[in-house]
Every structure is written in structure tokens, then in C-alpha cells.
PDB file of N, CA and C in Angstrom:
ATOM      1  N   UNK A   1     -29.010 -21.543  -2.351  1.00  0.00           N
ATOM      2  CA  UNK A   1     -29.947 -22.228  -1.460  1.00  0.00           C
ATOM      3  C   UNK A   1     -31.222 -22.592  -2.155  1.00  0.00           C
ATOM      4  N   UNK A   2     -31.255 -23.704  -2.883  1.00  0.00           N
ATOM      5  CA  UNK A   2     -32.470 -24.084  -3.596  1.00  0.00           C
ATOM      6  C   UNK A   2     -33.421 -24.891  -2.746  1.00  0.00           C
ATOM      7  N   UNK A   3     -32.940 -25.456  -1.649  1.00  0.00           N
ATOM      8  CA  UNK A   3     -33.790 -26.328  -0.833  1.00  0.00           C
ATOM      9  C   UNK A   3     -35.006 -25.609  -0.251  1.00  0.00           C
ATOM     10  N   UNK A   4     -34.844 -24.424   0.346  1.00  0.00           N
ATOM     11  CA  UNK A   4     -36.012 -23.713   0.891  1.00  0.00           C
ATOM     12  C   UNK A   4     -37.035 -23.388  -0.184  1.00  0.00           C
ATOM     13  N   UNK A   5     -36.563 -23.001  -1.375  1.00  0.00           N
ATOM     14  CA  UNK A   5     -37.474 -22.673  -2.466  1.00  0.00           C
ATOM     15  C   UNK A   5     -38.279 -23.895  -2.884  1.00  0.00           C
ATOM     16  N   UNK A   6     -37.628 -25.039  -2.979  1.00  0.00           N
ATOM     17  CA  UNK A   6     -38.314 -26.262  -3.386  1.00  0.00           C
ATOM     18  C   UNK A   6     -39.355 -26.632  -2.333  1.00  0.00           C
ATOM     19  N   UNK A   7     -38.995 -26.450  -1.066  1.00  0.00           N
ATOM     20  CA  UNK A   7     -39.907 -26.803   0.015  1.00  0.00           C
ATOM     21  C   UNK A   7     -41.151 -25.926  -0.029  1.00  0.00           C
ATOM     22  N   UNK A   8     -40.955 -24.630  -0.261  1.00  0.00           N
ATOM     23  CA  UNK A   8     -42.087 -23.711  -0.304  1.00  0.00           C
ATOM     24  C   UNK A   8     -42.971 -23.993  -1.505  1.00  0.00           C
ATOM     25  N   UNK A   9     -42.357 -24.259  -2.649  1.00  0.00           N
ATOM     26  CA  UNK A   9     -43.123 -24.521  -3.860  1.00  0.00           C
ATOM     27  C   UNK A   9     -43.907 -25.816  -3.710  1.00  0.00           C
ATOM     28  N   UNK A  10     -43.293 -26.810  -3.059  1.00  0.00           N
ATOM     29  CA  UNK A  10     -43.942 -28.102  -2.903  1.00  0.00           C
ATOM     30  C   UNK A  10     -45.146 -28.045  -1.979  1.00  0.00           C
ATOM     31  N   UNK A  11     -45.217 -27.015  -1.152  1.00  0.00           N
ATOM     32  CA  UNK A  11     -46.324 -26.904  -0.209  1.00  0.00           C
ATOM     33  C   UNK A  11     -47.666 -26.732  -0.899  1.00  0.00           C
ATOM     34  N   UNK A  12     -47.665 -26.087  -2.059  1.00  0.00           N
ATOM     35  CA  UNK A  12     -48.927 -25.807  -2.737  1.00  0.00           C
ATOM     36  C   UNK A  12     -49.080 -26.590  -4.033  1.00  0.00           C
ATOM     37  N   UNK A  13     -47.971 -27.020  -4.608  1.00  0.00           N
ATOM     38  CA  UNK A  13     -48.031 -27.721  -5.891  1.00  0.00           C
ATOM     39  C   UNK A  13     -47.414 -29.111  -5.794  1.00  0.00           C
ATOM     40  N   UNK A  14     -48.249 -30.150  -5.688  1.00  0.00           N
ATOM     41  CA  UNK A  14     -47.751 -31.531  -5.606  1.00  0.00           C
ATOM     42  C   UNK A  14     -46.810 -31.870  -6.753  1.00  0.00           C
ATOM     43  N   UNK A  15     -47.071 -31.318  -7.928  1.00  0.00           N
ATOM     44  CA  UNK A  15     -46.216 -31.603  -9.077  1.00  0.00           C
ATOM     45  C   UNK A  15     -44.816 -31.054  -8.835  1.00  0.00           C
ATOM     46  N   UNK A  16     -44.748 -29.917  -8.157  1.00  0.00           N
ATOM     47  CA  UNK A  16     -43.451 -29.321  -7.863  1.00  0.00           C
ATOM     48  C   UNK A  16     -42.665 -30.209  -6.910  1.00  0.00           C
ATOM     49  N   UNK A  17     -43.383 -30.932  -6.044  1.00  0.00           N
ATOM     50  CA  UNK A  17     -42.718 -31.852  -5.123  1.00  0.00           C
ATOM     51  C   UNK A  17     -42.000 -32.923  -5.920  1.00  0.00           C
ATOM     52  N   UNK A  18     -42.683 -33.473  -6.913  1.00  0.00           N
ATOM     53  CA  UNK A  18     -42.089 -34.512  -7.750  1.00  0.00           C
ATOM     54  C   UNK A  18     -40.865 -33.973  -8.470  1.00  0.00           C
ATOM     55  N   UNK A  19     -40.989 -32.776  -9.037  1.00  0.00           N
ATOM     56  CA  UNK A  19     -39.869 -32.172  -9.755  1.00  0.00           C
ATOM     57  C   UNK A  19     -38.719 -31.898  -8.797  1.00  0.00           C
ATOM     58  N   UNK A  20     -39.048 -31.431  -7.605  1.00  0.00           N
ATOM     59  CA  UNK A  20     -38.017 -31.128  -6.611  1.00  0.00           C
ATOM     60  C   UNK A  20     -37.281 -32.394  -6.200  1.00  0.00           C
ATOM     61  N   UNK A  21     -38.043 -33.481  -6.036  1.00  0.00           N
ATOM     62  CA  UNK A  21     -37.426 -34.751  -5.650  1.00  0.00           C
ATOM     63  C   UNK A  21     -36.504 -35.255  -6.748  1.00  0.00           C
ATOM     64  N   UNK A  22     -36.951 -35.111  -7.993  1.00  0.00           N
ATOM     65  CA  UNK A  22     -36.119 -35.567  -9.113  1.00  0.00           C
ATOM     66  C   UNK A  22     -34.844 -34.726  -9.195  1.00  0.00           C
ATOM     67  N   UNK A  23     -34.990 -33.415  -8.993  1.00  0.00           N
ATOM     68  CA  UNK A  23     -33.824 -32.535  -9.022  1.00  0.00           C
ATOM     69  C   UNK A  23     -32.875 -32.879  -7.882  1.00  0.00           C
ATOM     70  N   UNK A  24     -33.443 -33.138  -6.708  1.00  0.00           N
ATOM     71  CA  UNK A  24     -32.630 -33.497  -5.547  1.00  0.00           C
ATOM     72  C   UNK A  24     -31.882 -34.795  -5.804  1.00  0.00           C
ATOM     73  N   UNK A  25     -32.573 -35.748  -6.420  1.00  0.00           N
ATOM     74  CA  UNK A  25     -31.944 -37.032  -6.729  1.00  0.00           C
ATOM     75  C   UNK A  25     -30.774 -36.829  -7.682  1.00  0.00           C
ATOM     76  N   UNK A  26     -30.968 -35.966  -8.682  1.00  0.00           N
ATOM     77  CA  UNK A  26     -29.889 -35.673  -9.634  1.00  0.00           C
ATOM     78  C   UNK A  26     -28.709 -35.039  -8.906  1.00  0.00           C
ATOM     79  N   UNK A  27     -29.026 -34.075  -8.046  1.00  0.00           N
ATOM     80  CA  UNK A  27     -27.978 -33.359  -7.325  1.00  0.00           C
ATOM     81  C   UNK A  27     -27.192 -34.304  -6.433  1.00  0.00           C
ATOM     82  N   UNK A  28     -27.916 -35.164  -5.709  1.00  0.00           N
ATOM     83  CA  UNK A  28     -27.265 -36.124  -4.819  1.00  0.00           C
ATOM     84  C   UNK A  28     -26.420 -37.105  -5.619  1.00  0.00           C
ATOM     85  N   UNK A  29     -26.970 -37.596  -6.709  1.00  0.00           N
ATOM     86  CA  UNK A  29     -26.237 -38.543  -7.553  1.00  0.00           C
ATOM     87  C   UNK A  29     -24.960 -37.897  -8.075  1.00  0.00           C
ATOM     88  N   UNK A  30     -25.066 -36.654  -8.514  1.00  0.00           N
ATOM     89  CA  UNK A  30     -23.900 -35.948  -9.035  1.00  0.00           C
ATOM     90  C   UNK A  30     -22.877 -35.726  -7.927  1.00  0.00           C
ATOM     91  N   UNK A  31     -23.367 -35.441  -6.727  1.00  0.00           N
ATOM     92  CA  UNK A  31     -22.469 -35.203  -5.598  1.00  0.00           C
ATOM     93  C   UNK A  31     -21.726 -36.482  -5.228  1.00  0.00           C
ATOM     94  N   UNK A  32     -22.416 -37.607  -5.324  1.00  0.00           N
ATOM     95  CA  UNK A  32     -21.798 -38.885  -4.989  1.00  0.00           C
ATOM     96  C   UNK A  32     -20.906 -39.378  -6.115  1.00  0.00           C
ATOM     97  N   UNK A  33     -21.180 -38.902  -7.330  1.00  0.00           N
ATOM     98  CA  UNK A  33     -20.378 -39.320  -8.489  1.00  0.00           C
ATOM     99  C   UNK A  33     -19.784 -38.095  -9.180  1.00  0.00           C
ATOM    100  N   UNK A  34     -18.612 -37.670  -8.738  1.00  0.00           N
ATOM    101  CA  UNK A  34     -17.963 -36.473  -9.296  1.00  0.00           C
ATOM    102  C   UNK A  34     -17.765 -36.551 -10.806  1.00  0.00           C
ATOM    103  N   UNK A  35     -17.735 -37.759 -11.346  1.00  0.00           N
ATOM    104  CA  UNK A  35     -17.535 -37.918 -12.789  1.00  0.00           C
ATOM    105  C   UNK A  35     -18.748 -37.418 -13.569  1.00  0.00           C
ATOM    106  N   UNK A  36     -19.910 -37.420 -12.920  1.00  0.00           N
ATOM    107  CA  UNK A  36     -21.130 -36.968 -13.593  1.00  0.00           C
ATOM    108  C   UNK A  36     -21.363 -35.499 -13.255  1.00  0.00           C
ATOM    109  N   UNK A  37     -21.039 -34.636 -14.218  1.00  0.00           N
ATOM    110  CA  UNK A  37     -21.188 -33.208 -13.985  1.00  0.00           C
ATOM    111  C   UNK A  37     -22.497 -32.666 -14.547  1.00  0.00           C
ATOM    112  N   UNK A  38     -23.310 -33.534 -15.128  1.00  0.00           N
ATOM    113  CA  UNK A  38     -24.543 -33.076 -15.771  1.00  0.00           C
ATOM    114  C   UNK A  38     -25.702 -33.098 -14.792  1.00  0.00           C
ATOM    115  N   UNK A  39     -25.808 -32.028 -13.976  1.00  0.00           N
ATOM    116  CA  UNK A  39     -26.922 -31.930 -13.035  1.00  0.00           C
ATOM    117  C   UNK A  39     -28.141 -31.373 -13.765  1.00  0.00           C
ATOM    118  N   UNK A  40     -27.883 -30.392 -14.636  1.00  0.00           N
ATOM    119  CA  UNK A  40     -28.972 -29.771 -15.388  1.00  0.00           C
ATOM    120  C   UNK A  40     -29.140 -30.474 -16.725  1.00  0.00           C
ATOM    121  N   UNK A  41     -30.372 -30.710 -17.110  1.00  0.00           N
ATOM    122  CA  UNK A  41     -30.632 -31.375 -18.388  1.00  0.00           C
ATOM    123  C   UNK A  41     -30.219 -30.472 -19.540  1.00  0.00           C
TER     124      UNK A  41
END
């Protein structure tokens, strides 16, 4: 469950919001494209 952690971190650190959004975008993209297994850099 990474979503609650990202939400809590984003509450105090705007930079964490950006990182969380980028991570979420990667996760969603990977979920929509099973061929792309590289979620983590």
C-alpha cells in the first residue's frame, strides 16, 4: 500500500507530491502496458 504513504508525505513536502505523481504515472503506465516491467529506475 504505497498510496497512503505518498499522500501523507505529499501533505508536507510539495517535492514529494511531484515524485509521487511521477511514480504513480510509471506504475499506471506499467499496469496499462504489461510489456514494460521497469517500474523502478
